[in-house]
């Protein structure tokens, strides 16, 4: 089987509205308007679509893995209702004030894990993020990085970069 490309997405600020606070409750989780259409378009092209996110609020004790999983189930259901799907959502639960970990972006470990799990061709893939650490994580595993402003619109950024 040939490896397929992937669209890697940071979560807060790219998939959902960055609120300037930790987001773990579905009622505070606003999927940005063009995300479902973009994800569906990449699904049709045969690309894997994977969210890679730092969720340091777990490490701070603000919320739990179960809270994040519930929110991600909400995201899956929302996208499914609009004809789109994520192949995976991977996240780092650690906070840097609680010690070092290997999975927190700018480390590329979560991307490496997705590449291995889903048979992804890193050289044909792209990571869209709203922070430099997202781009550093992508570069560390040979994935093209695309830095966008938070909440700025995924589809337009991918078009400007010539990816769609």
Foldseek 3Di string as FASTA:
>chain_A
DAAAAAEEEEPDLTQFDNPVDQDQALVPTHGFDCNLVVQQVCVVVVHAYEYEYERQCCQVVNDHPVSNVVNVVVVQVVSVVVRGGHPYYHYHHHDVVVDDDQRDFLALVVVVVCCVVRVHDQCLYEYEDQDVSSQSSSVVVNHHYQHDHGSPDDVVSCVVVVND
